[in-house]
Every structure is written in structure tokens, then in C-alpha cells.
Amino acid sequence: CVMASGKDAIFIETCKESKVISEVVEVLAYIFCEESVPKKPLCYKITRWGSDKFSRGSYSFLPPGSNPNDYTILAKPSSTNSKSNNSAEIATSHLFWAGEH
């Protein structure tokens, strides 16, 4: 898994897939023995979160002073209306997150 942020992420947003793959392979070949890095990966997925209208490049992180339990707290329903059997009420009482967690 490769993650790019900052200027690199902005650069990747504008590149063709073939350019992104060749750049990643070049960096991996520099870090590891060049012979051990395949010239073309077997599979890959390039996300373009910066141009995604729902994420707009955002991602979650734990700032200093946080702990892993903070994600558990964020995963809880946003209201105490969880006893309802009405699916519309249940759906509107929760925040739904898309992302890596």
C-alpha cells in the first residue's frame, strides 16, 4: 500500500495511471533492490480523493493526546434513538462515514 499526501497527492491527481505506476515502481526500486521490484504490479488501485466530491481529499487522523478508543466513540450513534424499529428513524440518527476506518 502506498499513500501520498501534500504536493505528491496533488501531483498524482493530475497524472495518468501509467505515470503513477511508473513513479511508484521507480521509488520502490530505489528503496529496495531494483531486481526485487516488478516493473509492472499484478494489481493496483489508484484513488483520487482530492477530486472526489464526497471526500475532497480528507482523511481521519488521531491528533496528539488522542487514543484509539476515540474511534470507538466516533462509531457510536449520534443520538439515543437506537431503540426505534423504524428504519428511517434509525438511518437519520446515525452518521455514516466513508473512508479507511
Protein backbone atom coordinates (compact mmCIF):
# COMPACT_ATOMS: atom_id res chain seq x y z
CA CYS A 1 0.00 0.00 0.00
CA VAL A 2 1.33 3.42 -0.95
CA MET A 3 -0.12 6.66 0.36
CA ALA A 4 0.73 10.08 -0.96
CA SER A 5 -0.06 13.36 0.75
CA GLY A 6 0.56 17.04 0.25
CA LYS A 7 2.17 18.07 -3.04
CA ASP A 8 2.62 14.44 -4.11
CA ALA A 9 -1.13 13.78 -3.74
CA ILE A 10 -1.93 16.88 -5.79
CA PHE A 11 0.54 15.73 -8.46
CA ILE A 12 -0.96 12.22 -8.59
CA GLU A 13 -4.46 13.68 -9.08
CA THR A 14 -3.34 15.11 -12.42
CA CYS A 15 -1.40 12.10 -13.73
CA LYS A 16 -2.44 9.22 -15.94
CA GLU A 17 -2.46 5.80 -14.25
CA SER A 18 0.60 4.66 -16.20
CA LYS A 19 2.60 7.66 -14.90
CA VAL A 20 1.56 7.00 -11.29
CA ILE A 21 2.52 3.32 -11.57
CA SER A 22 5.91 4.09 -13.13
CA GLU A 23 6.66 6.68 -10.40
CA VAL A 24 5.74 4.24 -7.62
CA VAL A 25 7.80 1.43 -9.17
CA GLU A 26 10.76 3.81 -9.50
CA VAL A 27 10.57 4.81 -5.82
CA LEU A 28 10.21 1.18 -4.70
CA ALA A 29 13.18 0.17 -6.85
CA TYR A 30 15.22 2.94 -5.20
CA ILE A 31 14.23 1.84 -1.68
CA PHE A 32 14.55 -1.91 -2.28
CA CYS A 33 16.83 -3.86 -4.53
CA GLU A 34 15.85 -2.96 -8.09
CA GLU A 35 15.78 -6.61 -9.17
CA SER A 36 13.22 -7.46 -6.45
CA VAL A 37 10.66 -4.89 -7.64
CA PRO A 38 8.47 -5.96 -10.57
CA LYS A 39 8.35 -3.49 -13.45
CA LYS A 40 4.57 -3.79 -13.56
CA PRO A 41 2.45 -4.64 -10.49
CA LEU A 42 0.00 -7.52 -10.70
CA CYS A 43 -2.82 -5.27 -9.50
CA TYR A 44 -3.32 -1.78 -8.14
CA LYS A 45 -6.00 0.74 -7.20
CA ILE A 46 -5.43 4.45 -7.57
CA THR A 47 -7.76 6.66 -5.58
CA ARG A 48 -8.22 10.31 -6.39
CA TRP A 49 -9.68 11.60 -3.16
CA GLY A 50 -8.83 15.20 -3.96
CA SER A 51 -11.30 15.23 -6.85
CA ASP A 52 -13.91 13.04 -5.12
CA LYS A 53 -16.91 15.28 -4.39
CA PHE A 54 -17.68 13.43 -1.15
CA SER A 55 -14.24 13.28 0.47
CA ARG A 56 -12.49 16.27 -1.13
CA GLY A 57 -9.14 14.83 -0.12
CA SER A 58 -9.92 14.43 3.57
CA TYR A 59 -8.95 11.56 5.81
CA SER A 60 -9.09 10.90 9.52
CA PHE A 61 -6.21 11.01 11.96
CA LEU A 62 -5.63 10.93 15.68
CA PRO A 63 -4.12 14.21 16.90
CA PRO A 64 -1.69 14.37 19.83
CA GLY A 65 -3.42 13.46 23.09
CA SER A 66 -5.90 11.12 21.40
CA ASN A 67 -6.14 7.39 21.85
CA PRO A 68 -7.53 4.50 19.76
CA ASN A 69 -10.74 4.48 21.83
CA ASP A 70 -11.65 7.80 20.17
CA TYR A 71 -12.61 5.88 17.00
CA THR A 72 -14.92 3.70 19.10
CA ILE A 73 -16.60 6.82 20.44
CA LEU A 74 -16.98 8.25 16.92
CA ALA A 75 -18.59 4.99 15.77
CA LYS A 76 -21.45 5.27 18.24
CA PRO A 77 -24.90 6.53 17.12
CA SER A 78 -25.25 10.31 17.15
CA SER A 79 -28.49 10.12 19.18
CA THR A 80 -30.07 7.83 21.74
CA ASN A 81 -32.84 6.89 19.29
CA SER A 82 -31.40 3.39 18.74
CA LYS A 83 -34.44 1.67 20.35
CA SER A 84 -36.62 2.57 17.36
CA ASN A 85 -37.77 -0.15 14.96
CA ASN A 86 -38.37 2.41 12.21
CA SER A 87 -35.51 2.07 9.69
CA ALA A 88 -35.92 5.69 8.54
CA GLU A 89 -35.53 6.93 12.11
CA ILE A 90 -32.53 4.68 12.68
CA ALA A 91 -30.87 5.84 9.44
CA THR A 92 -31.31 9.51 10.34
CA SER A 93 -29.99 9.01 13.86
CA HIS A 94 -26.56 7.82 12.71
CA LEU A 95 -23.61 9.46 10.99
CA PHE A 96 -22.22 7.27 8.21
CA TRP A 97 -18.55 7.64 7.40
CA ALA A 98 -16.74 6.56 4.26
CA GLY A 99 -13.03 6.07 4.43
CA GLU A 100 -10.24 3.95 5.77
CA HIS A 101 -11.76 3.17 9.19
